[in-house]
Amino acid sequence: MLCDCGGVLVVIAIEDIPKHLSSKEKIMYNRVCDVQCQKCDKIQYSQPYDDGNLLNLVKETKKI
């Protein structure tokens, strides 16, 4: 993620997943995070952190 000034936004805090959710609900929960620009120190709150999707499986490739 990039800041308006062109600096890189670094995650400084991540929302905890609520404990009352079931295992399935925890997988689907969309957390937010706070980010800070390394260049201008601007902090942006409640930015999307993940979208609840599972990781893509890595496919086997053929050696060349």
N, C-alpha and C. Protein backbone atom coordinates (compact mmCIF):
# COMPACT_ATOMS: atom_id res chain seq x y z
N MET A 1 0.85 -1.17 0.00
CA MET A 1 0.00 0.00 0.00
C MET A 1 0.89 1.23 0.00
N LEU A 2 0.46 2.23 -0.74
CA LEU A 2 1.23 3.46 -0.83
C LEU A 2 0.42 4.64 -0.29
N CYS A 3 1.12 5.57 0.33
CA CYS A 3 0.53 6.80 0.86
C CYS A 3 0.36 7.80 -0.29
N ASP A 4 -0.42 8.85 -0.05
CA ASP A 4 -0.59 9.91 -1.03
C ASP A 4 0.74 10.57 -1.39
N CYS A 5 1.68 10.60 -0.43
CA CYS A 5 2.99 11.23 -0.66
C CYS A 5 3.94 10.31 -1.43
N GLY A 6 3.55 9.06 -1.63
CA GLY A 6 4.39 8.11 -2.33
C GLY A 6 5.16 7.17 -1.41
N GLY A 7 5.07 7.40 -0.11
CA GLY A 7 5.74 6.53 0.86
C GLY A 7 5.00 5.22 1.05
N VAL A 8 5.69 4.26 1.65
CA VAL A 8 5.12 2.94 1.90
C VAL A 8 4.36 2.95 3.23
N LEU A 9 3.14 2.39 3.21
CA LEU A 9 2.34 2.29 4.42
C LEU A 9 2.67 0.97 5.12
N VAL A 10 3.02 1.07 6.39
CA VAL A 10 3.41 -0.09 7.18
C VAL A 10 2.33 -0.35 8.23
N VAL A 11 1.93 -1.61 8.37
CA VAL A 11 0.91 -1.98 9.36
C VAL A 11 1.49 -1.79 10.76
N ILE A 12 0.77 -1.03 11.61
CA ILE A 12 1.23 -0.80 12.98
C ILE A 12 0.30 -1.43 14.01
N ALA A 13 -0.93 -1.81 13.60
CA ALA A 13 -1.87 -2.46 14.52
C ALA A 13 -2.89 -3.24 13.71
N ILE A 14 -3.28 -4.42 14.22
CA ILE A 14 -4.26 -5.27 13.56
C ILE A 14 -5.38 -5.56 14.55
N GLU A 15 -6.61 -5.49 14.07
CA GLU A 15 -7.78 -5.78 14.89
C GLU A 15 -7.76 -7.23 15.33
N ASP A 16 -8.11 -7.49 16.59
CA ASP A 16 -8.27 -8.85 17.08
C ASP A 16 -9.60 -9.40 16.58
N ILE A 17 -9.61 -10.68 16.28
CA ILE A 17 -10.85 -11.34 15.89
C ILE A 17 -11.68 -11.55 17.16
N PRO A 18 -12.96 -11.18 17.13
CA PRO A 18 -13.80 -11.37 18.33
C PRO A 18 -13.83 -12.83 18.77
N LYS A 19 -13.70 -13.06 20.07
CA LYS A 19 -13.61 -14.41 20.62
C LYS A 19 -14.94 -15.17 20.54
N HIS A 20 -16.06 -14.47 20.47
CA HIS A 20 -17.38 -15.13 20.48
C HIS A 20 -17.73 -15.78 19.14
N LEU A 21 -16.95 -15.57 18.10
CA LEU A 21 -17.26 -16.14 16.79
C LEU A 21 -16.91 -17.61 16.73
N SER A 22 -17.66 -18.35 15.90
CA SER A 22 -17.34 -19.76 15.69
C SER A 22 -16.10 -19.85 14.80
N SER A 23 -15.53 -21.05 14.68
CA SER A 23 -14.34 -21.24 13.85
C SER A 23 -14.58 -20.81 12.41
N LYS A 24 -15.73 -21.17 11.87
CA LYS A 24 -16.06 -20.81 10.49
C LYS A 24 -16.22 -19.30 10.35
N GLU A 25 -16.86 -18.66 11.32
CA GLU A 25 -17.04 -17.20 11.29
C GLU A 25 -15.71 -16.47 11.41
N LYS A 26 -14.78 -17.04 12.18
CA LYS A 26 -13.45 -16.42 12.32
C LYS A 26 -12.71 -16.41 11.00
N ILE A 27 -12.86 -17.47 10.19
CA ILE A 27 -12.20 -17.53 8.89
C ILE A 27 -12.76 -16.46 7.96
N MET A 28 -14.05 -16.19 8.06
CA MET A 28 -14.71 -15.25 7.15
C MET A 28 -14.66 -13.80 7.65
N TYR A 29 -14.20 -13.56 8.87
CA TYR A 29 -14.21 -12.22 9.46
C TYR A 29 -13.19 -11.32 8.76
N ASN A 30 -13.61 -10.14 8.37
CA ASN A 30 -12.73 -9.17 7.71
C ASN A 30 -12.16 -8.20 8.74
N ARG A 31 -10.88 -8.39 9.06
CA ARG A 31 -10.22 -7.51 10.03
C ARG A 31 -9.81 -6.19 9.38
N VAL A 32 -9.57 -5.20 10.21
CA VAL A 32 -9.03 -3.93 9.76
C VAL A 32 -7.71 -3.69 10.48
N CYS A 33 -6.92 -2.77 9.94
CA CYS A 33 -5.64 -2.45 10.57
C CYS A 33 -5.38 -0.96 10.49
N ASP A 34 -4.43 -0.50 11.28
CA ASP A 34 -3.96 0.88 11.21
C ASP A 34 -2.59 0.85 10.53
N VAL A 35 -2.36 1.80 9.64
CA VAL A 35 -1.10 1.85 8.91
C VAL A 35 -0.46 3.23 9.07
N GLN A 36 0.87 3.25 8.97
CA GLN A 36 1.61 4.51 9.08
C GLN A 36 2.60 4.62 7.93
N CYS A 37 2.67 5.81 7.35
CA CYS A 37 3.59 6.06 6.24
C CYS A 37 5.02 6.19 6.76
N GLN A 38 5.94 5.49 6.12
CA GLN A 38 7.35 5.57 6.53
C GLN A 38 7.98 6.90 6.13
N LYS A 39 7.38 7.58 5.16
CA LYS A 39 7.96 8.83 4.65
C LYS A 39 7.46 10.06 5.41
N CYS A 40 6.12 10.19 5.55
CA CYS A 40 5.56 11.40 6.17
C CYS A 40 4.95 11.16 7.55
N ASP A 41 4.96 9.92 8.05
CA ASP A 41 4.43 9.53 9.36
C ASP A 41 2.92 9.67 9.51
N LYS A 42 2.20 9.92 8.42
CA LYS A 42 0.73 10.00 8.47
C LYS A 42 0.17 8.63 8.85
N ILE A 43 -0.82 8.60 9.75
CA ILE A 43 -1.46 7.36 10.17
C ILE A 43 -2.86 7.31 9.59
N GLN A 44 -3.20 6.17 9.02
CA GLN A 44 -4.54 5.94 8.49
C GLN A 44 -5.14 4.77 9.29
N TYR A 45 -6.32 5.01 9.85
CA TYR A 45 -6.96 4.03 10.71
C TYR A 45 -8.01 3.21 9.95
N SER A 46 -8.30 2.02 10.46
CA SER A 46 -9.36 1.14 9.95
C SER A 46 -9.25 0.84 8.46
N GLN A 47 -8.06 0.48 8.04
CA GLN A 47 -7.83 0.08 6.65
C GLN A 47 -8.09 -1.43 6.52
N PRO A 48 -8.54 -1.89 5.36
CA PRO A 48 -8.77 -3.34 5.20
C PRO A 48 -7.47 -4.12 5.39
N TYR A 49 -7.53 -5.18 6.16
CA TYR A 49 -6.33 -6.00 6.38
C TYR A 49 -6.43 -7.32 5.62
N ASP A 50 -7.56 -7.97 5.73
CA ASP A 50 -7.77 -9.19 4.95
C ASP A 50 -9.24 -9.27 4.58
N ASP A 51 -9.54 -10.10 3.60
CA ASP A 51 -10.92 -10.16 3.14
C ASP A 51 -11.60 -11.47 3.49
N GLY A 52 -10.99 -12.26 4.34
CA GLY A 52 -11.63 -13.48 4.81
C GLY A 52 -11.50 -14.67 3.88
N ASN A 53 -10.84 -14.50 2.74
CA ASN A 53 -10.67 -15.62 1.83
C ASN A 53 -9.53 -16.51 2.29
N LEU A 54 -9.63 -17.78 1.94
CA LEU A 54 -8.55 -18.70 2.25
C LEU A 54 -7.38 -18.44 1.32
N LEU A 55 -6.20 -18.89 1.69
CA LEU A 55 -5.03 -18.74 0.83
C LEU A 55 -5.19 -19.58 -0.42
N ASN A 56 -4.64 -19.10 -1.53
CA ASN A 56 -4.64 -19.88 -2.76
C ASN A 56 -3.69 -21.06 -2.61
N LEU A 57 -4.12 -22.22 -3.09
CA LEU A 57 -3.26 -23.38 -3.04
C LEU A 57 -2.13 -23.21 -4.05
N VAL A 58 -0.94 -23.68 -3.70
CA VAL A 58 0.20 -23.61 -4.60
C VAL A 58 0.15 -24.83 -5.51
N LYS A 59 0.16 -24.61 -6.82
CA LYS A 59 0.10 -25.70 -7.76
C LYS A 59 1.51 -26.18 -8.05
N GLU A 60 1.62 -27.48 -8.29
CA GLU A 60 2.92 -28.03 -8.65
C GLU A 60 3.26 -27.62 -10.08
N THR A 61 4.52 -27.30 -10.30
CA THR A 61 4.96 -26.92 -11.65
C THR A 61 5.94 -27.95 -12.16
N LYS A 62 6.11 -27.95 -13.46
CA LYS A 62 7.02 -28.88 -14.10
C LYS A 62 8.42 -28.29 -14.13
N LYS A 63 9.43 -29.05 -13.74
CA LYS A 63 10.81 -28.57 -13.77
C LYS A 63 11.27 -28.44 -15.21
N ILE A 64 12.05 -27.41 -15.47
CA ILE A 64 12.54 -27.16 -16.83
C ILE A 64 13.94 -27.73 -17.00
